[in-house]
Each structure stands twice: as C-alpha cells, then as structure tokens.
Amino acid sequence: MLFMVMLDTVEDKATISKIYEEYHLSCYHAALAVTKNPTMAEDAVHNTFLAVIRHKDEIFTLTGKKMRSKLVIIAKNKAIDILRAQGKYTAEPLSGMEEVADNFDLSTYVENKESDAH
C-alpha cells in the first residue's frame, strides 16, 4: 500500500488500512468483472484507493453497505478508465432496452412498490 505515504496522520493511515483490508477484494472482483484481466484489475484497485485518499473527508465517514457500494462503484469506474486509456472500452447500448422502456408502466411499478412496503 504505497499510497499510505500520502496520508498525514496516524489515524488516517489506520483508517485507510482498515478500509483496504475490508474492501480490497470486493473492489478487485468488481474491477476484474470489467477488465477480465487480473493486472488491470489490480491497477484499478490501486487507483480506487488513491481516489479514496483524495476524497477521504467524504469516504471515511461512510460505513457498511454504503462504504462497500461506493468503493465498488469507484473500482468499476477506474477499471473502465483503464480500458478507455487502452482503447479497449466502448459503451454499447444494451440490446432490447428500447422495448423494455416502451413497455414500462410507472403506475404499476409504484403500486407494486407500495404494496411491498405494507
């Protein structure tokens, strides 16, 4: 964890170390799902924790599922950034989404959500 030198306080170093130990595998698996390449996935995880350090005031306050969700999203985005830099990523529209969107009934969806809540 070379990025530890970027932190000023012992508390921040302890926090990032704890976050890394708890969430680096989730980040790695998310990045690997995007890149399909272990080396690129490791680079994405490294870039993820650099971003965590840059935005530590926001991220250090998160806990549990919110922390994991945020880190996984960052890892996926960092993996996409790596693929884009190598010219290997293009966003392709999902086939069939137009049909799903055309057939979506918002009122039915809301009614189902309300009945699930009760």
C-alpha atoms as a PDB file:
ATOM      1  CA  MET A   1       0.000   0.000   0.000  1.00  0.00           C
ATOM      2  CA  LEU A   2       2.329   2.658  -1.296  1.00  0.00           C
ATOM      3  CA  PHE A   3      -0.395   5.275  -1.066  1.00  0.00           C
ATOM      4  CA  MET A   4      -0.080   5.285   2.745  1.00  0.00           C
ATOM      5  CA  VAL A   5       2.674   7.895   2.479  1.00  0.00           C
ATOM      6  CA  MET A   6       0.079  10.317   1.098  1.00  0.00           C
ATOM      7  CA  LEU A   7      -1.678  10.437   4.474  1.00  0.00           C
ATOM      8  CA  ASP A   8      -0.615  12.838   7.194  1.00  0.00           C
ATOM      9  CA  THR A   9      -1.972  11.386  10.416  1.00  0.00           C
ATOM     10  CA  VAL A  10      -1.686   8.037  12.132  1.00  0.00           C
ATOM     11  CA  GLU A  11      -5.488   7.953  12.390  1.00  0.00           C
ATOM     12  CA  ASP A  12      -5.889   8.401   8.622  1.00  0.00           C
ATOM     13  CA  LYS A  13      -3.317   5.675   7.981  1.00  0.00           C
ATOM     14  CA  ALA A  14      -5.153   3.326  10.329  1.00  0.00           C
ATOM     15  CA  THR A  15      -8.487   4.145   8.697  1.00  0.00           C
ATOM     16  CA  ILE A  16      -7.271   3.560   5.136  1.00  0.00           C
ATOM     17  CA  SER A  17      -5.558   0.364   6.222  1.00  0.00           C
ATOM     18  CA  LYS A  18      -8.793  -0.917   7.771  1.00  0.00           C
ATOM     19  CA  ILE A  19     -10.825   0.087   4.706  1.00  0.00           C
ATOM     20  CA  TYR A  20      -8.305  -1.587   2.397  1.00  0.00           C
ATOM     21  CA  GLU A  21      -8.293  -4.831   4.378  1.00  0.00           C
ATOM     22  CA  GLU A  22     -12.069  -4.962   4.478  1.00  0.00           C
ATOM     23  CA  TYR A  23     -12.924  -3.923   0.918  1.00  0.00           C
ATOM     24  CA  HIS A  24      -9.987  -4.502  -1.444  1.00  0.00           C
ATOM     25  CA  LEU A  25     -11.246  -7.921  -2.533  1.00  0.00           C
ATOM     26  CA  SER A  26     -14.699  -6.548  -3.365  1.00  0.00           C
ATOM     27  CA  CYS A  27     -13.027  -3.821  -5.394  1.00  0.00           C
ATOM     28  CA  TYR A  28     -10.758  -6.328  -7.115  1.00  0.00           C
ATOM     29  CA  HIS A  29     -13.654  -8.589  -8.107  1.00  0.00           C
ATOM     30  CA  ALA A  30     -15.646  -5.634  -9.437  1.00  0.00           C
ATOM     31  CA  ALA A  31     -12.681  -4.405 -11.474  1.00  0.00           C
ATOM     32  CA  LEU A  32     -11.913  -7.910 -12.727  1.00  0.00           C
ATOM     33  CA  ALA A  33     -15.501  -8.283 -13.921  1.00  0.00           C
ATOM     34  CA  VAL A  34     -14.988  -5.177 -16.056  1.00  0.00           C
ATOM     35  CA  THR A  35     -11.447  -5.726 -17.312  1.00  0.00           C
ATOM     36  CA  LYS A  36     -11.272  -9.526 -17.449  1.00  0.00           C
ATOM     37  CA  ASN A  37      -7.567  -9.015 -16.717  1.00  0.00           C
ATOM     38  CA  PRO A  38      -6.015  -9.530 -13.247  1.00  0.00           C
ATOM     39  CA  THR A  39      -3.246  -6.974 -13.765  1.00  0.00           C
ATOM     40  CA  MET A  40      -5.653  -4.288 -14.933  1.00  0.00           C
ATOM     41  CA  ALA A  41      -7.970  -5.126 -12.041  1.00  0.00           C
ATOM     42  CA  GLU A  42      -5.106  -4.665  -9.567  1.00  0.00           C
ATOM     43  CA  ASP A  43      -4.296  -1.310 -11.176  1.00  0.00           C
ATOM     44  CA  ALA A  44      -7.940  -0.298 -10.857  1.00  0.00           C
ATOM     45  CA  VAL A  45      -7.917  -1.208  -7.156  1.00  0.00           C
ATOM     46  CA  HIS A  46      -4.765   0.846  -6.646  1.00  0.00           C
ATOM     47  CA  ASN A  47      -6.406   3.781  -8.432  1.00  0.00           C
ATOM     48  CA  THR A  48      -9.527   3.263  -6.326  1.00  0.00           C
ATOM     49  CA  PHE A  49      -7.617   3.718  -3.094  1.00  0.00           C
ATOM     50  CA  LEU A  50      -5.792   6.748  -4.476  1.00  0.00           C
ATOM     51  CA  ALA A  51      -9.240   8.222  -5.109  1.00  0.00           C
ATOM     52  CA  VAL A  52     -10.307   7.266  -1.582  1.00  0.00           C
ATOM     53  CA  ILE A  53      -7.352   9.191  -0.192  1.00  0.00           C
ATOM     54  CA  ARG A  54      -8.097  12.209  -2.379  1.00  0.00           C
ATOM     55  CA  HIS A  55     -11.701  12.210  -1.140  1.00  0.00           C
ATOM     56  CA  LYS A  56     -11.079  10.890   2.357  1.00  0.00           C
ATOM     57  CA  ASP A  57     -13.214  13.523   4.074  1.00  0.00           C
ATOM     58  CA  GLU A  58     -16.275  12.170   2.265  1.00  0.00           C
ATOM     59  CA  ILE A  59     -15.408   8.475   2.121  1.00  0.00           C
ATOM     60  CA  PHE A  60     -14.053   7.977   5.646  1.00  0.00           C
ATOM     61  CA  THR A  61     -17.487   8.910   7.010  1.00  0.00           C
ATOM     62  CA  LEU A  62     -19.242   6.044   5.186  1.00  0.00           C
ATOM     63  CA  THR A  63     -19.833   2.681   6.807  1.00  0.00           C
ATOM     64  CA  GLY A  64     -21.043  -0.784   5.930  1.00  0.00           C
ATOM     65  CA  LYS A  65     -23.023  -1.204   2.737  1.00  0.00           C
ATOM     66  CA  LYS A  66     -22.628   2.450   1.777  1.00  0.00           C
ATOM     67  CA  MET A  67     -18.841   2.169   2.020  1.00  0.00           C
ATOM     68  CA  ARG A  68     -18.777  -1.058   0.018  1.00  0.00           C
ATOM     69  CA  SER A  69     -21.133   0.316  -2.635  1.00  0.00           C
ATOM     70  CA  LYS A  70     -19.120   3.499  -3.048  1.00  0.00           C
ATOM     71  CA  LEU A  71     -15.813   1.634  -3.328  1.00  0.00           C
ATOM     72  CA  VAL A  72     -17.172  -0.918  -5.802  1.00  0.00           C
ATOM     73  CA  ILE A  73     -18.546   1.876  -7.986  1.00  0.00           C
ATOM     74  CA  ILE A  74     -15.208   3.678  -7.873  1.00  0.00           C
ATOM     75  CA  ALA A  75     -13.363   0.436  -8.722  1.00  0.00           C
ATOM     76  CA  LYS A  76     -15.626  -0.238 -11.704  1.00  0.00           C
ATOM     77  CA  ASN A  77     -15.149   3.311 -12.942  1.00  0.00           C
ATOM     78  CA  LYS A  78     -11.380   3.088 -12.523  1.00  0.00           C
ATOM     79  CA  ALA A  79     -11.400  -0.201 -14.457  1.00  0.00           C
ATOM     80  CA  ILE A  80     -13.368   1.460 -17.258  1.00  0.00           C
ATOM     81  CA  ASP A  81     -10.881   4.348 -17.242  1.00  0.00           C
ATOM     82  CA  ILE A  82      -8.025   1.874 -17.714  1.00  0.00           C
ATOM     83  CA  LEU A  83      -9.804   0.176 -20.615  1.00  0.00           C
ATOM     84  CA  ARG A  84     -10.612   3.517 -22.212  1.00  0.00           C
ATOM     85  CA  ALA A  85      -6.986   4.611 -21.944  1.00  0.00           C
ATOM     86  CA  GLN A  86      -6.019   1.488 -23.866  1.00  0.00           C
ATOM     87  CA  GLY A  87      -8.792   1.955 -26.402  1.00  0.00           C
ATOM     88  CA  LYS A  88     -10.471  -1.278 -25.312  1.00  0.00           C
ATOM     89  CA  TYR A  89     -13.723   0.099 -23.950  1.00  0.00           C
ATOM     90  CA  THR A  90     -16.696   1.379 -25.845  1.00  0.00           C
ATOM     91  CA  ALA A  91     -20.076   1.853 -24.281  1.00  0.00           C
ATOM     92  CA  GLU A  92     -22.510  -0.225 -26.275  1.00  0.00           C
ATOM     93  CA  PRO A  93     -26.245   0.205 -25.899  1.00  0.00           C
ATOM     94  CA  LEU A  94     -27.979  -2.706 -24.244  1.00  0.00           C
ATOM     95  CA  SER A  95     -29.959  -4.621 -26.826  1.00  0.00           C
ATOM     96  CA  GLY A  96     -33.665  -4.754 -26.158  1.00  0.00           C
ATOM     97  CA  MET A  97     -33.707  -1.824 -23.750  1.00  0.00           C
ATOM     98  CA  GLU A  98     -35.879   0.246 -26.074  1.00  0.00           C
ATOM     99  CA  GLU A  99     -38.603  -2.411 -25.854  1.00  0.00           C
ATOM    100  CA  VAL A 100     -38.335  -2.577 -22.067  1.00  0.00           C
ATOM    101  CA  ALA A 101     -38.539   1.213 -21.818  1.00  0.00           C
ATOM    102  CA  ASP A 102     -41.528   1.363 -24.175  1.00  0.00           C
ATOM    103  CA  ASN A 103     -43.425  -1.275 -22.180  1.00  0.00           C
ATOM    104  CA  PHE A 104     -42.616   0.126 -18.721  1.00  0.00           C
ATOM    105  CA  ASP A 105     -45.696   1.187 -16.761  1.00  0.00           C
ATOM    106  CA  LEU A 106     -44.734   3.572 -13.970  1.00  0.00           C
ATOM    107  CA  SER A 107     -48.108   3.443 -12.204  1.00  0.00           C
ATOM    108  CA  THR A 108     -47.962  -0.369 -11.935  1.00  0.00           C
ATOM    109  CA  TYR A 109     -44.408  -0.151 -10.650  1.00  0.00           C
ATOM    110  CA  VAL A 110     -45.397   2.370  -7.960  1.00  0.00           C
ATOM    111  CA  GLU A 111     -48.420   0.305  -6.936  1.00  0.00           C
ATOM    112  CA  ASN A 112     -46.240  -2.816  -6.593  1.00  0.00           C
ATOM    113  CA  LYS A 113     -43.655  -0.938  -4.521  1.00  0.00           C
ATOM    114  CA  GLU A 114     -46.360   0.449  -2.246  1.00  0.00           C
ATOM    115  CA  SER A 115     -47.911  -2.985  -1.728  1.00  0.00           C
ATOM    116  CA  ASP A 116     -44.447  -4.450  -0.990  1.00  0.00           C
ATOM    117  CA  ALA A 117     -43.932  -1.803   1.695  1.00  0.00           C
ATOM    118  CA  HIS A 118     -47.094  -2.855   3.543  1.00  0.00           C
END
